[in-house]
Amino acid sequence: MFRRSLQLSFIALAALSPFWARADLAQGLAEVVAVHPTRIADLVVLDHGFDASLRQGMICRITRGGSEIAEVILVELRSTCGAALIVNLSPGQSIQVGDVASVKILKS
């Protein structure tokens, strides 16, 4: 039920949100274009998807001005946009339009 609700919310946001390709964002990076609150969790909408090498289940860091704001998990992707759920949010912070998401790489 939650997954279906998430998909419907994402489809509605994809239709309403202004998605555009940004040449300055490299593979594995995306910009936050919307934060949509739901009853269960906030949905973070990104302006890149499969075309930027993002895949469902990836963990991304959300940064603003070099400071890490949050971590999100990618839950729904299309070729040019994606949606994520917040996994961890720094105290006193909130994700805003214009923040940058980058794939979290584990170092061994």
N, C-alpha and C. Protein backbone atom coordinates (compact mmCIF):
# COMPACT_ATOMS: atom_id res chain seq x y z
N MET A 1 0.82 -1.19 0.00
CA MET A 1 0.00 0.00 0.00
C MET A 1 0.87 1.26 0.00
N PHE A 2 1.91 1.26 0.87
CA PHE A 2 2.79 2.42 0.93
C PHE A 2 3.49 2.61 -0.41
N ARG A 3 3.96 1.50 -1.02
CA ARG A 3 4.66 1.59 -2.30
C ARG A 3 3.75 2.19 -3.37
N ARG A 4 2.49 1.76 -3.41
CA ARG A 4 1.53 2.29 -4.39
C ARG A 4 1.29 3.78 -4.15
N SER A 5 1.16 4.17 -2.89
CA SER A 5 0.97 5.58 -2.55
C SER A 5 2.19 6.40 -2.96
N LEU A 6 3.38 5.83 -2.74
CA LEU A 6 4.62 6.50 -3.11
C LEU A 6 4.69 6.68 -4.63
N GLN A 7 4.33 5.63 -5.38
CA GLN A 7 4.36 5.72 -6.84
C GLN A 7 3.39 6.78 -7.35
N LEU A 8 2.19 6.82 -6.80
CA LEU A 8 1.20 7.81 -7.23
C LEU A 8 1.67 9.23 -6.90
N SER A 9 2.26 9.42 -5.72
CA SER A 9 2.77 10.74 -5.35
C SER A 9 3.88 11.16 -6.30
N PHE A 10 4.77 10.22 -6.61
CA PHE A 10 5.89 10.53 -7.50
C PHE A 10 5.41 10.87 -8.90
N ILE A 11 4.45 10.11 -9.41
CA ILE A 11 3.91 10.38 -10.74
C ILE A 11 3.27 11.76 -10.79
N ALA A 12 2.52 12.11 -9.75
CA ALA A 12 1.89 13.43 -9.70
C ALA A 12 2.94 14.53 -9.66
N LEU A 13 4.00 14.34 -8.86
CA LEU A 13 5.06 15.34 -8.78
C LEU A 13 5.81 15.45 -10.10
N ALA A 14 6.05 14.32 -10.74
CA ALA A 14 6.77 14.34 -12.02
C ALA A 14 6.01 15.13 -13.07
N ALA A 15 4.70 15.06 -13.01
CA ALA A 15 3.88 15.79 -13.98
C ALA A 15 3.86 17.29 -13.69
N LEU A 16 3.99 17.66 -12.41
CA LEU A 16 3.87 19.06 -12.03
C LEU A 16 5.19 19.79 -11.88
N SER A 17 6.27 19.06 -11.59
CA SER A 17 7.55 19.69 -11.30
C SER A 17 8.30 20.04 -12.57
N PRO A 18 9.02 21.16 -12.57
CA PRO A 18 9.79 21.55 -13.76
C PRO A 18 11.13 20.82 -13.80
N PHE A 19 11.23 19.75 -14.59
CA PHE A 19 12.48 19.01 -14.71
C PHE A 19 13.23 19.53 -15.91
N TRP A 20 14.50 19.74 -15.76
CA TRP A 20 15.32 20.16 -16.87
C TRP A 20 16.72 19.59 -16.66
N ALA A 21 17.39 19.33 -17.74
CA ALA A 21 18.74 18.78 -17.68
C ALA A 21 19.71 19.91 -17.37
N ARG A 22 20.63 19.65 -16.47
CA ARG A 22 21.65 20.63 -16.15
C ARG A 22 22.99 20.10 -16.60
N ALA A 23 23.64 20.81 -17.48
CA ALA A 23 24.90 20.35 -18.04
C ALA A 23 26.01 20.34 -16.99
N ASP A 24 25.89 21.15 -15.93
CA ASP A 24 26.96 21.24 -14.95
C ASP A 24 26.93 20.10 -13.94
N LEU A 25 25.89 19.25 -13.95
CA LEU A 25 25.84 18.12 -13.04
C LEU A 25 26.40 16.89 -13.72
N ALA A 26 27.36 16.24 -13.09
CA ALA A 26 28.01 15.07 -13.67
C ALA A 26 27.25 13.79 -13.34
N GLN A 27 27.72 12.69 -13.87
CA GLN A 27 27.12 11.38 -13.59
C GLN A 27 27.11 11.15 -12.08
N GLY A 28 25.99 10.61 -11.57
CA GLY A 28 25.87 10.31 -10.15
C GLY A 28 25.51 11.50 -9.29
N LEU A 29 25.23 12.64 -9.89
CA LEU A 29 24.81 13.83 -9.15
C LEU A 29 23.43 14.26 -9.62
N ALA A 30 22.69 14.85 -8.70
CA ALA A 30 21.36 15.36 -9.04
C ALA A 30 21.05 16.54 -8.12
N GLU A 31 20.12 17.37 -8.54
CA GLU A 31 19.70 18.51 -7.74
C GLU A 31 18.28 18.26 -7.22
N VAL A 32 18.04 18.68 -5.99
CA VAL A 32 16.70 18.57 -5.41
C VAL A 32 15.81 19.61 -6.08
N VAL A 33 14.67 19.15 -6.65
CA VAL A 33 13.73 20.07 -7.30
C VAL A 33 12.44 20.24 -6.50
N ALA A 34 12.20 19.34 -5.54
CA ALA A 34 11.01 19.46 -4.70
C ALA A 34 11.15 18.54 -3.50
N VAL A 35 10.49 18.92 -2.42
CA VAL A 35 10.34 18.06 -1.25
C VAL A 35 8.85 17.99 -0.97
N HIS A 36 8.31 16.79 -1.10
CA HIS A 36 6.87 16.60 -0.99
C HIS A 36 6.55 15.83 0.30
N PRO A 37 5.95 16.49 1.29
CA PRO A 37 5.60 15.78 2.52
C PRO A 37 4.41 14.84 2.30
N THR A 38 4.50 13.63 2.85
CA THR A 38 3.39 12.69 2.83
C THR A 38 3.07 12.33 4.27
N ARG A 39 2.02 11.54 4.45
CA ARG A 39 1.63 11.15 5.82
C ARG A 39 2.70 10.32 6.50
N ILE A 40 3.43 9.53 5.73
CA ILE A 40 4.40 8.60 6.31
C ILE A 40 5.82 9.16 6.32
N ALA A 41 6.25 9.74 5.21
CA ALA A 41 7.62 10.23 5.08
C ALA A 41 7.67 11.30 3.99
N ASP A 42 8.69 12.15 4.06
CA ASP A 42 8.87 13.17 3.02
C ASP A 42 9.52 12.54 1.79
N LEU A 43 9.05 12.93 0.62
CA LEU A 43 9.57 12.44 -0.65
C LEU A 43 10.42 13.54 -1.26
N VAL A 44 11.69 13.23 -1.53
CA VAL A 44 12.63 14.17 -2.12
C VAL A 44 12.70 13.88 -3.61
N VAL A 45 12.38 14.87 -4.45
CA VAL A 45 12.36 14.69 -5.90
C VAL A 45 13.65 15.28 -6.48
N LEU A 46 14.32 14.48 -7.32
CA LEU A 46 15.59 14.87 -7.92
C LEU A 46 15.44 15.08 -9.42
N ASP A 47 16.29 15.92 -9.98
CA ASP A 47 16.18 16.24 -11.41
C ASP A 47 16.95 15.29 -12.32
N HIS A 48 17.51 14.22 -11.79
CA HIS A 48 18.20 13.22 -12.59
C HIS A 48 17.76 11.84 -12.16
N GLY A 49 17.96 10.86 -13.05
CA GLY A 49 17.56 9.49 -12.76
C GLY A 49 18.52 8.51 -13.39
N PHE A 50 17.97 7.52 -14.12
CA PHE A 50 18.79 6.49 -14.75
C PHE A 50 19.85 7.08 -15.67
N ASP A 51 19.51 8.14 -16.39
CA ASP A 51 20.46 8.74 -17.34
C ASP A 51 21.70 9.28 -16.65
N ALA A 52 21.64 9.55 -15.35
CA ALA A 52 22.79 10.04 -14.59
C ALA A 52 23.42 8.92 -13.78
N SER A 53 23.13 7.67 -14.18
CA SER A 53 23.69 6.47 -13.52
C SER A 53 23.17 6.24 -12.11
N LEU A 54 22.04 6.83 -11.76
CA LEU A 54 21.43 6.57 -10.46
C LEU A 54 20.62 5.29 -10.55
N ARG A 55 20.59 4.52 -9.45
CA ARG A 55 19.85 3.26 -9.42
C ARG A 55 19.09 3.15 -8.10
N GLN A 56 17.96 2.46 -8.16
CA GLN A 56 17.13 2.26 -6.98
C GLN A 56 17.95 1.57 -5.89
N GLY A 57 17.80 2.06 -4.66
CA GLY A 57 18.51 1.49 -3.52
C GLY A 57 19.81 2.19 -3.18
N MET A 58 20.31 3.04 -4.07
CA MET A 58 21.54 3.78 -3.77
C MET A 58 21.29 4.76 -2.63
N ILE A 59 22.31 4.96 -1.81
CA ILE A 59 22.28 5.96 -0.75
C ILE A 59 22.99 7.20 -1.29
N CYS A 60 22.38 8.36 -1.13
CA CYS A 60 22.97 9.62 -1.58
C CYS A 60 23.12 10.59 -0.42
N ARG A 61 24.17 11.38 -0.47
CA ARG A 61 24.36 12.49 0.47
C ARG A 61 23.71 13.72 -0.13
N ILE A 62 23.02 14.47 0.70
CA ILE A 62 22.46 15.76 0.29
C ILE A 62 23.34 16.83 0.91
N THR A 63 23.89 17.71 0.07
CA THR A 63 24.77 18.76 0.56
C THR A 63 24.29 20.13 0.12
N ARG A 64 24.69 21.12 0.89
CA ARG A 64 24.42 22.53 0.56
C ARG A 64 25.67 23.31 0.94
N GLY A 65 26.30 23.91 -0.05
CA GLY A 65 27.49 24.71 0.22
C GLY A 65 28.62 23.93 0.86
N GLY A 66 28.76 22.67 0.51
CA GLY A 66 29.84 21.86 1.04
C GLY A 66 29.51 21.16 2.36
N SER A 67 28.39 21.49 2.98
CA SER A 67 27.99 20.87 4.25
C SER A 67 26.98 19.77 3.99
N GLU A 68 27.18 18.62 4.64
CA GLU A 68 26.23 17.52 4.49
C GLU A 68 24.98 17.80 5.32
N ILE A 69 23.83 17.74 4.65
CA ILE A 69 22.54 18.01 5.29
C ILE A 69 21.83 16.72 5.69
N ALA A 70 21.89 15.71 4.78
CA ALA A 70 21.12 14.49 5.00
C ALA A 70 21.64 13.35 4.15
N GLU A 71 21.10 12.17 4.41
CA GLU A 71 21.29 11.01 3.55
C GLU A 71 19.91 10.54 3.13
N VAL A 72 19.78 10.16 1.86
CA VAL A 72 18.51 9.67 1.33
C VAL A 72 18.75 8.35 0.60
N ILE A 73 17.69 7.58 0.43
CA ILE A 73 17.76 6.35 -0.35
C ILE A 73 16.85 6.51 -1.56
N LEU A 74 17.38 6.18 -2.73
CA LEU A 74 16.61 6.28 -3.96
C LEU A 74 15.59 5.16 -4.02
N VAL A 75 14.32 5.52 -4.17
CA VAL A 75 13.25 4.52 -4.14
C VAL A 75 12.49 4.39 -5.46
N GLU A 76 12.52 5.41 -6.29
CA GLU A 76 11.79 5.37 -7.57
C GLU A 76 12.56 6.22 -8.57
N LEU A 77 12.81 5.65 -9.75
CA LEU A 77 13.59 6.37 -10.75
C LEU A 77 12.95 6.27 -12.12
N ARG A 78 13.10 7.32 -12.88
CA ARG A 78 12.76 7.37 -14.29
C ARG A 78 14.05 7.77 -15.01
N SER A 79 14.01 7.92 -16.30
CA SER A 79 15.25 8.24 -17.01
C SER A 79 15.78 9.62 -16.64
N THR A 80 14.90 10.59 -16.42
CA THR A 80 15.36 11.96 -16.16
C THR A 80 14.99 12.52 -14.80
N CYS A 81 14.43 11.70 -13.91
CA CYS A 81 14.08 12.19 -12.58
C CYS A 81 14.05 11.02 -11.61
N GLY A 82 14.06 11.33 -10.34
CA GLY A 82 14.04 10.29 -9.32
C GLY A 82 13.41 10.78 -8.04
N ALA A 83 13.11 9.84 -7.16
CA ALA A 83 12.53 10.16 -5.86
C ALA A 83 13.29 9.39 -4.79
N ALA A 84 13.42 10.01 -3.64
CA ALA A 84 14.16 9.40 -2.53
C ALA A 84 13.45 9.66 -1.21
N LEU A 85 13.73 8.79 -0.26
CA LEU A 85 13.23 8.95 1.11
C LEU A 85 14.39 9.32 2.01
N ILE A 86 14.14 10.16 3.00
CA ILE A 86 15.18 10.61 3.92
C ILE A 86 15.50 9.48 4.90
N VAL A 87 16.80 9.15 4.98
CA VAL A 87 17.28 8.12 5.90
C VAL A 87 17.83 8.77 7.17
N ASN A 88 18.57 9.86 7.00
CA ASN A 88 19.21 10.53 8.12
C ASN A 88 19.24 12.03 7.83
N LEU A 89 18.85 12.84 8.81
CA LEU A 89 18.82 14.29 8.65
C LEU A 89 19.61 14.92 9.78
N SER A 90 20.54 15.82 9.45
CA SER A 90 21.32 16.50 10.46
C SER A 90 20.41 17.34 11.34
N PRO A 91 20.70 17.41 12.65
CA PRO A 91 19.85 18.19 13.57
C PRO A 91 19.73 19.65 13.13
N GLY A 92 18.51 20.15 13.15
CA GLY A 92 18.24 21.54 12.81
C GLY A 92 18.28 21.85 11.33
N GLN A 93 18.41 20.84 10.48
CA GLN A 93 18.50 21.05 9.03
C GLN A 93 17.22 20.59 8.35
N SER A 94 17.03 21.04 7.13
CA SER A 94 15.95 20.56 6.27
C SER A 94 16.46 20.57 4.84
N ILE A 95 15.95 19.65 4.04
CA ILE A 95 16.33 19.58 2.64
C ILE A 95 15.54 20.64 1.88
N GLN A 96 16.25 21.39 1.02
CA GLN A 96 15.62 22.47 0.29
C GLN A 96 15.87 22.31 -1.21
N VAL A 97 15.00 22.93 -2.00
CA VAL A 97 15.19 22.97 -3.45
C VAL A 97 16.55 23.60 -3.73
N GLY A 98 17.31 22.97 -4.63
CA GLY A 98 18.64 23.47 -4.97
C GLY A 98 19.77 22.72 -4.29
N ASP A 99 19.47 21.95 -3.23
CA ASP A 99 20.50 21.12 -2.60
C ASP A 99 20.96 20.08 -3.61
N VAL A 100 22.18 19.58 -3.43
CA VAL A 100 22.78 18.63 -4.38
C VAL A 100 22.84 17.24 -3.74
N ALA A 101 22.42 16.23 -4.50
CA ALA A 101 22.51 14.83 -4.07
C ALA A 101 23.65 14.17 -4.83
N SER A 102 24.51 13.48 -4.11
CA SER A 102 25.60 12.72 -4.74
C SER A 102 25.62 11.33 -4.15
N VAL A 103 25.93 10.36 -4.99
CA VAL A 103 25.95 8.97 -4.56
C VAL A 103 27.02 8.78 -3.49
N LYS A 104 26.64 8.13 -2.40
CA LYS A 104 27.56 7.86 -1.30
C LYS A 104 28.39 6.64 -1.69
N ILE A 105 29.71 6.82 -1.67
CA ILE A 105 30.62 5.74 -2.03
C ILE A 105 31.31 5.26 -0.76
N LEU A 106 31.24 3.97 -0.53
CA LEU A 106 31.89 3.38 0.64
C LEU A 106 33.35 3.15 0.32
N LYS A 107 34.21 3.55 1.23
CA LYS A 107 35.65 3.34 1.06
C LYS A 107 36.05 2.08 1.80
N SER A 108 36.90 1.29 1.16
CA SER A 108 37.33 0.05 1.82
C SER A 108 38.74 0.18 2.35
